[in-house]
Amino acid sequence: MDSVKKEERDIFIMFYYKSKKIKEIAKKMDISQSKVKIVLHRLRKLIKKRLKERGYNYGE
């Protein structure tokens, strides 16, 4: 998570650790709900890729 932008990291933390809804995050960050969804999607892909590179093959 160190390699991603602070805004993206904050979105991820709010959604997964603080259980905030997409609508709440968008309002607090003053961005669209679509942007929140896109950021979460990209970060999930990035995490999956990094885990796979390190030998974790979740779901395969």
PDB file of N, CA and C in Angstrom:
ATOM      1  N   MET A   1       0.823  -1.201   0.000  1.00  0.00           N
ATOM      2  CA  MET A   1       0.000   0.000   0.000  1.00  0.00           C
ATOM      3  C   MET A   1       0.869   1.269   0.000  1.00  0.00           C
ATOM      4  N   ASP A   2       2.129   1.111   0.239  1.00  0.00           N
ATOM      5  CA  ASP A   2       3.022   2.277   0.264  1.00  0.00           C
ATOM      6  C   ASP A   2       3.195   2.915  -1.104  1.00  0.00           C
ATOM      7  N   SER A   3       2.959   2.129  -2.163  1.00  0.00           N
ATOM      8  CA  SER A   3       3.202   2.652  -3.511  1.00  0.00           C
ATOM      9  C   SER A   3       1.990   3.350  -4.126  1.00  0.00           C
ATOM     10  N   VAL A   4       0.860   3.374  -3.429  1.00  0.00           N
ATOM     11  CA  VAL A   4      -0.333   4.021  -3.976  1.00  0.00           C
ATOM     12  C   VAL A   4      -0.498   5.420  -3.392  1.00  0.00           C
ATOM     13  N   LYS A   5      -1.258   6.227  -4.080  1.00  0.00           N
ATOM     14  CA  LYS A   5      -1.492   7.604  -3.635  1.00  0.00           C
ATOM     15  C   LYS A   5      -2.245   7.618  -2.300  1.00  0.00           C
ATOM     16  N   LYS A   6      -2.021   8.665  -1.540  1.00  0.00           N
ATOM     17  CA  LYS A   6      -2.672   8.802  -0.227  1.00  0.00           C
ATOM     18  C   LYS A   6      -4.190   8.750  -0.362  1.00  0.00           C
ATOM     19  N   GLU A   7      -4.736   9.426  -1.356  1.00  0.00           N
ATOM     20  CA  GLU A   7      -6.185   9.436  -1.549  1.00  0.00           C
ATOM     21  C   GLU A   7      -6.714   8.015  -1.769  1.00  0.00           C
ATOM     22  N   GLU A   8      -6.013   7.227  -2.580  1.00  0.00           N
ATOM     23  CA  GLU A   8      -6.430   5.854  -2.851  1.00  0.00           C
ATOM     24  C   GLU A   8      -6.336   5.003  -1.588  1.00  0.00           C
ATOM     25  N   ARG A   9      -5.262   5.173  -0.849  1.00  0.00           N
ATOM     26  CA  ARG A   9      -5.083   4.429   0.405  1.00  0.00           C
ATOM     27  C   ARG A   9      -6.195   4.777   1.393  1.00  0.00           C
ATOM     28  N   ASP A  10      -6.537   6.064   1.484  1.00  0.00           N
ATOM     29  CA  ASP A  10      -7.602   6.497   2.386  1.00  0.00           C
ATOM     30  C   ASP A  10      -8.945   5.868   2.003  1.00  0.00           C
ATOM     31  N   ILE A  11      -9.234   5.811   0.714  1.00  0.00           N
ATOM     32  CA  ILE A  11     -10.473   5.194   0.237  1.00  0.00           C
ATOM     33  C   ILE A  11     -10.503   3.724   0.636  1.00  0.00           C
ATOM     34  N   PHE A  12      -9.404   3.025   0.403  1.00  0.00           N
ATOM     35  CA  PHE A  12      -9.313   1.604   0.739  1.00  0.00           C
ATOM     36  C   PHE A  12      -9.543   1.384   2.235  1.00  0.00           C
ATOM     37  N   ILE A  13      -8.887   2.178   3.055  1.00  0.00           N
ATOM     38  CA  ILE A  13      -9.013   2.040   4.513  1.00  0.00           C
ATOM     39  C   ILE A  13     -10.438   2.329   4.968  1.00  0.00           C
ATOM     40  N   MET A  14     -11.030   3.389   4.432  1.00  0.00           N
ATOM     41  CA  MET A  14     -12.406   3.714   4.828  1.00  0.00           C
ATOM     42  C   MET A  14     -13.367   2.591   4.467  1.00  0.00           C
ATOM     43  N   PHE A  15     -13.178   2.001   3.291  1.00  0.00           N
ATOM     44  CA  PHE A  15     -14.104   0.969   2.831  1.00  0.00           C
ATOM     45  C   PHE A  15     -13.894  -0.359   3.561  1.00  0.00           C
ATOM     46  N   TYR A  16     -12.663  -0.827   3.637  1.00  0.00           N
ATOM     47  CA  TYR A  16     -12.398  -2.152   4.174  1.00  0.00           C
ATOM     48  C   TYR A  16     -12.156  -2.210   5.673  1.00  0.00           C
ATOM     49  N   TYR A  17     -11.636  -1.148   6.269  1.00  0.00           N
ATOM     50  CA  TYR A  17     -11.340  -1.190   7.692  1.00  0.00           C
ATOM     51  C   TYR A  17     -12.351  -0.422   8.540  1.00  0.00           C
ATOM     52  N   LYS A  18     -12.906   0.629   7.968  1.00  0.00           N
ATOM     53  CA  LYS A  18     -13.867   1.422   8.730  1.00  0.00           C
ATOM     54  C   LYS A  18     -15.303   1.154   8.311  1.00  0.00           C
ATOM     55  N   SER A  19     -15.496   0.252   7.338  1.00  0.00           N
ATOM     56  CA  SER A  19     -16.816  -0.184   6.865  1.00  0.00           C
ATOM     57  C   SER A  19     -17.712   0.964   6.397  1.00  0.00           C
ATOM     58  N   LYS A  20     -17.108   1.956   5.780  1.00  0.00           N
ATOM     59  CA  LYS A  20     -17.886   3.070   5.230  1.00  0.00           C
ATOM     60  C   LYS A  20     -18.477   2.656   3.886  1.00  0.00           C
ATOM     61  N   LYS A  21     -19.634   3.172   3.581  1.00  0.00           N
ATOM     62  CA  LYS A  21     -20.281   2.901   2.306  1.00  0.00           C
ATOM     63  C   LYS A  21     -19.664   3.786   1.220  1.00  0.00           C
ATOM     64  N   ILE A  22     -19.782   3.331  -0.008  1.00  0.00           N
ATOM     65  CA  ILE A  22     -19.223   4.065  -1.148  1.00  0.00           C
ATOM     66  C   ILE A  22     -19.762   5.490  -1.184  1.00  0.00           C
ATOM     67  N   LYS A  23     -21.036   5.634  -0.939  1.00  0.00           N
ATOM     68  CA  LYS A  23     -21.665   6.960  -0.952  1.00  0.00           C
ATOM     69  C   LYS A  23     -21.047   7.878   0.115  1.00  0.00           C
ATOM     70  N   GLU A  24     -20.807   7.324   1.297  1.00  0.00           N
ATOM     71  CA  GLU A  24     -20.197   8.109   2.388  1.00  0.00           C
ATOM     72  C   GLU A  24     -18.771   8.536   2.029  1.00  0.00           C
ATOM     73  N   ILE A  25     -18.021   7.606   1.475  1.00  0.00           N
ATOM     74  CA  ILE A  25     -16.635   7.897   1.097  1.00  0.00           C
ATOM     75  C   ILE A  25     -16.601   9.001   0.044  1.00  0.00           C
ATOM     76  N   ALA A  26     -17.459   8.871  -0.965  1.00  0.00           N
ATOM     77  CA  ALA A  26     -17.499   9.861  -2.049  1.00  0.00           C
ATOM     78  C   ALA A  26     -17.810  11.250  -1.496  1.00  0.00           C
ATOM     79  N   LYS A  27     -18.766  11.311  -0.594  1.00  0.00           N
ATOM     80  CA  LYS A  27     -19.141  12.599  -0.019  1.00  0.00           C
ATOM     81  C   LYS A  27     -17.996  13.187   0.810  1.00  0.00           C
ATOM     82  N   LYS A  28     -17.387  12.356   1.648  1.00  0.00           N
ATOM     83  CA  LYS A  28     -16.309  12.834   2.506  1.00  0.00           C
ATOM     84  C   LYS A  28     -15.094  13.283   1.694  1.00  0.00           C
ATOM     85  N   MET A  29     -14.774  12.551   0.613  1.00  0.00           N
ATOM     86  CA  MET A  29     -13.596  12.854  -0.202  1.00  0.00           C
ATOM     87  C   MET A  29     -13.904  13.872  -1.298  1.00  0.00           C
ATOM     88  N   ASP A  30     -15.172  14.211  -1.445  1.00  0.00           N
ATOM     89  CA  ASP A  30     -15.637  15.144  -2.479  1.00  0.00           C
ATOM     90  C   ASP A  30     -15.264  14.653  -3.888  1.00  0.00           C
ATOM     91  N   ILE A  31     -15.593  13.375  -4.124  1.00  0.00           N
ATOM     92  CA  ILE A  31     -15.389  12.757  -5.432  1.00  0.00           C
ATOM     93  C   ILE A  31     -16.655  11.968  -5.783  1.00  0.00           C
ATOM     94  N   SER A  32     -16.749  11.504  -7.009  1.00  0.00           N
ATOM     95  CA  SER A  32     -17.933  10.754  -7.420  1.00  0.00           C
ATOM     96  C   SER A  32     -17.889   9.327  -6.872  1.00  0.00           C
ATOM     97  N   GLN A  33     -19.047   8.730  -6.775  1.00  0.00           N
ATOM     98  CA  GLN A  33     -19.146   7.341  -6.348  1.00  0.00           C
ATOM     99  C   GLN A  33     -18.443   6.430  -7.355  1.00  0.00           C
ATOM    100  N   SER A  34     -18.530   6.801  -8.621  1.00  0.00           N
ATOM    101  CA  SER A  34     -17.856   6.020  -9.665  1.00  0.00           C
ATOM    102  C   SER A  34     -16.355   5.985  -9.440  1.00  0.00           C
ATOM    103  N   LYS A  35     -15.787   7.107  -9.061  1.00  0.00           N
ATOM    104  CA  LYS A  35     -14.341   7.158  -8.817  1.00  0.00           C
ATOM    105  C   LYS A  35     -13.973   6.260  -7.650  1.00  0.00           C
ATOM    106  N   VAL A  36     -14.782   6.263  -6.614  1.00  0.00           N
ATOM    107  CA  VAL A  36     -14.522   5.393  -5.458  1.00  0.00           C
ATOM    108  C   VAL A  36     -14.514   3.933  -5.913  1.00  0.00           C
ATOM    109  N   LYS A  37     -15.499   3.552  -6.695  1.00  0.00           N
ATOM    110  CA  LYS A  37     -15.593   2.171  -7.182  1.00  0.00           C
ATOM    111  C   LYS A  37     -14.392   1.802  -8.046  1.00  0.00           C
ATOM    112  N   ILE A  38     -13.984   2.713  -8.901  1.00  0.00           N
ATOM    113  CA  ILE A  38     -12.833   2.461  -9.779  1.00  0.00           C
ATOM    114  C   ILE A  38     -11.555   2.295  -8.955  1.00  0.00           C
ATOM    115  N   VAL A  39     -11.354   3.161  -7.987  1.00  0.00           N
ATOM    116  CA  VAL A  39     -10.163   3.075  -7.139  1.00  0.00           C
ATOM    117  C   VAL A  39     -10.137   1.742  -6.399  1.00  0.00           C
ATOM    118  N   LEU A  40     -11.266   1.339  -5.835  1.00  0.00           N
ATOM    119  CA  LEU A  40     -11.328   0.071  -5.112  1.00  0.00           C
ATOM    120  C   LEU A  40     -11.039  -1.106  -6.041  1.00  0.00           C
ATOM    121  N   HIS A  41     -11.595  -1.060  -7.243  1.00  0.00           N
ATOM    122  CA  HIS A  41     -11.369  -2.124  -8.220  1.00  0.00           C
ATOM    123  C   HIS A  41      -9.881  -2.221  -8.575  1.00  0.00           C
ATOM    124  N   ARG A  42      -9.273  -1.087  -8.852  1.00  0.00           N
ATOM    125  CA  ARG A  42      -7.846  -1.073  -9.224  1.00  0.00           C
ATOM    126  C   ARG A  42      -6.956  -1.562  -8.086  1.00  0.00           C
ATOM    127  N   LEU A  43      -7.290  -1.157  -6.867  1.00  0.00           N
ATOM    128  CA  LEU A  43      -6.485  -1.590  -5.727  1.00  0.00           C
ATOM    129  C   LEU A  43      -6.637  -3.085  -5.466  1.00  0.00           C
ATOM    130  N   ARG A  44      -7.845  -3.606  -5.630  1.00  0.00           N
ATOM    131  CA  ARG A  44      -8.032  -5.054  -5.477  1.00  0.00           C
ATOM    132  C   ARG A  44      -7.202  -5.816  -6.503  1.00  0.00           C
ATOM    133  N   LYS A  45      -7.201  -5.317  -7.755  1.00  0.00           N
ATOM    134  CA  LYS A  45      -6.393  -5.946  -8.810  1.00  0.00           C
ATOM    135  C   LYS A  45      -4.908  -5.881  -8.459  1.00  0.00           C
ATOM    136  N   LEU A  46      -4.455  -4.744  -7.980  1.00  0.00           N
ATOM    137  CA  LEU A  46      -3.057  -4.558  -7.616  1.00  0.00           C
ATOM    138  C   LEU A  46      -2.657  -5.506  -6.482  1.00  0.00           C
ATOM    139  N   ILE A  47      -3.486  -5.592  -5.481  1.00  0.00           N
ATOM    140  CA  ILE A  47      -3.194  -6.474  -4.345  1.00  0.00           C
ATOM    141  C   ILE A  47      -3.146  -7.932  -4.804  1.00  0.00           C
ATOM    142  N   LYS A  48      -4.098  -8.329  -5.625  1.00  0.00           N
ATOM    143  CA  LYS A  48      -4.125  -9.694  -6.140  1.00  0.00           C
ATOM    144  C   LYS A  48      -2.844  -9.995  -6.925  1.00  0.00           C
ATOM    145  N   LYS A  49      -2.425  -9.037  -7.756  1.00  0.00           N
ATOM    146  CA  LYS A  49      -1.206  -9.200  -8.556  1.00  0.00           C
ATOM    147  C   LYS A  49       0.018  -9.338  -7.656  1.00  0.00           C
ATOM    148  N   ARG A  50       0.127  -8.465  -6.656  1.00  0.00           N
ATOM    149  CA  ARG A  50       1.276  -8.493  -5.758  1.00  0.00           C
ATOM    150  C   ARG A  50       1.320  -9.791  -4.943  1.00  0.00           C
ATOM    151  N   LEU A  51       0.156 -10.248  -4.510  1.00  0.00           N
ATOM    152  CA  LEU A  51       0.122 -11.506  -3.760  1.00  0.00           C
ATOM    153  C   LEU A  51       0.546 -12.673  -4.642  1.00  0.00           C
ATOM    154  N   LYS A  52       0.068 -12.663  -5.874  1.00  0.00           N
ATOM    155  CA  LYS A  52       0.422 -13.731  -6.814  1.00  0.00           C
ATOM    156  C   LYS A  52       1.931 -13.736  -7.078  1.00  0.00           C
ATOM    157  N   GLU A  53       2.523 -12.554  -7.220  1.00  0.00           N
ATOM    158  CA  GLU A  53       3.971 -12.432  -7.421  1.00  0.00           C
ATOM    159  C   GLU A  53       4.754 -13.023  -6.248  1.00  0.00           C
ATOM    160  N   ARG A  54       4.150 -12.983  -5.084  1.00  0.00           N
ATOM    161  CA  ARG A  54       4.827 -13.482  -3.871  1.00  0.00           C
ATOM    162  C   ARG A  54       4.465 -14.937  -3.564  1.00  0.00           C
ATOM    163  N   GLY A  55       3.731 -15.582  -4.486  1.00  0.00           N
ATOM    164  CA  GLY A  55       3.453 -17.004  -4.327  1.00  0.00           C
ATOM    165  C   GLY A  55       2.100 -17.362  -3.756  1.00  0.00           C
ATOM    166  N   TYR A  56       1.262 -16.386  -3.485  1.00  0.00           N
ATOM    167  CA  TYR A  56      -0.085 -16.671  -2.981  1.00  0.00           C
ATOM    168  C   TYR A  56      -1.020 -16.795  -4.188  1.00  0.00           C
ATOM    169  N   ASN A  57      -1.714 -17.911  -4.252  1.00  0.00           N
ATOM    170  CA  ASN A  57      -2.640 -18.132  -5.361  1.00  0.00           C
ATOM    171  C   ASN A  57      -4.052 -18.351  -4.834  1.00  0.00           C
ATOM    172  N   TYR A  58      -4.598 -17.334  -4.253  1.00  0.00           N
ATOM    173  CA  TYR A  58      -5.927 -17.395  -3.670  1.00  0.00           C
ATOM    174  C   TYR A  58      -6.975 -17.640  -4.750  1.00  0.00           C
ATOM    175  N   GLY A  59      -7.843 -18.610  -4.525  1.00  0.00           N
ATOM    176  CA  GLY A  59      -8.955 -18.872  -5.444  1.00  0.00           C
ATOM    177  C   GLY A  59      -8.593 -19.653  -6.680  1.00  0.00           C
ATOM    178  N   GLU A  60      -7.420 -20.219  -6.708  1.00  0.00           N
ATOM    179  CA  GLU A  60      -7.038 -21.003  -7.888  1.00  0.00           C
ATOM    180  C   GLU A  60      -6.878 -22.443  -7.522  1.00  0.00           C
TER     181      GLU A  60
END
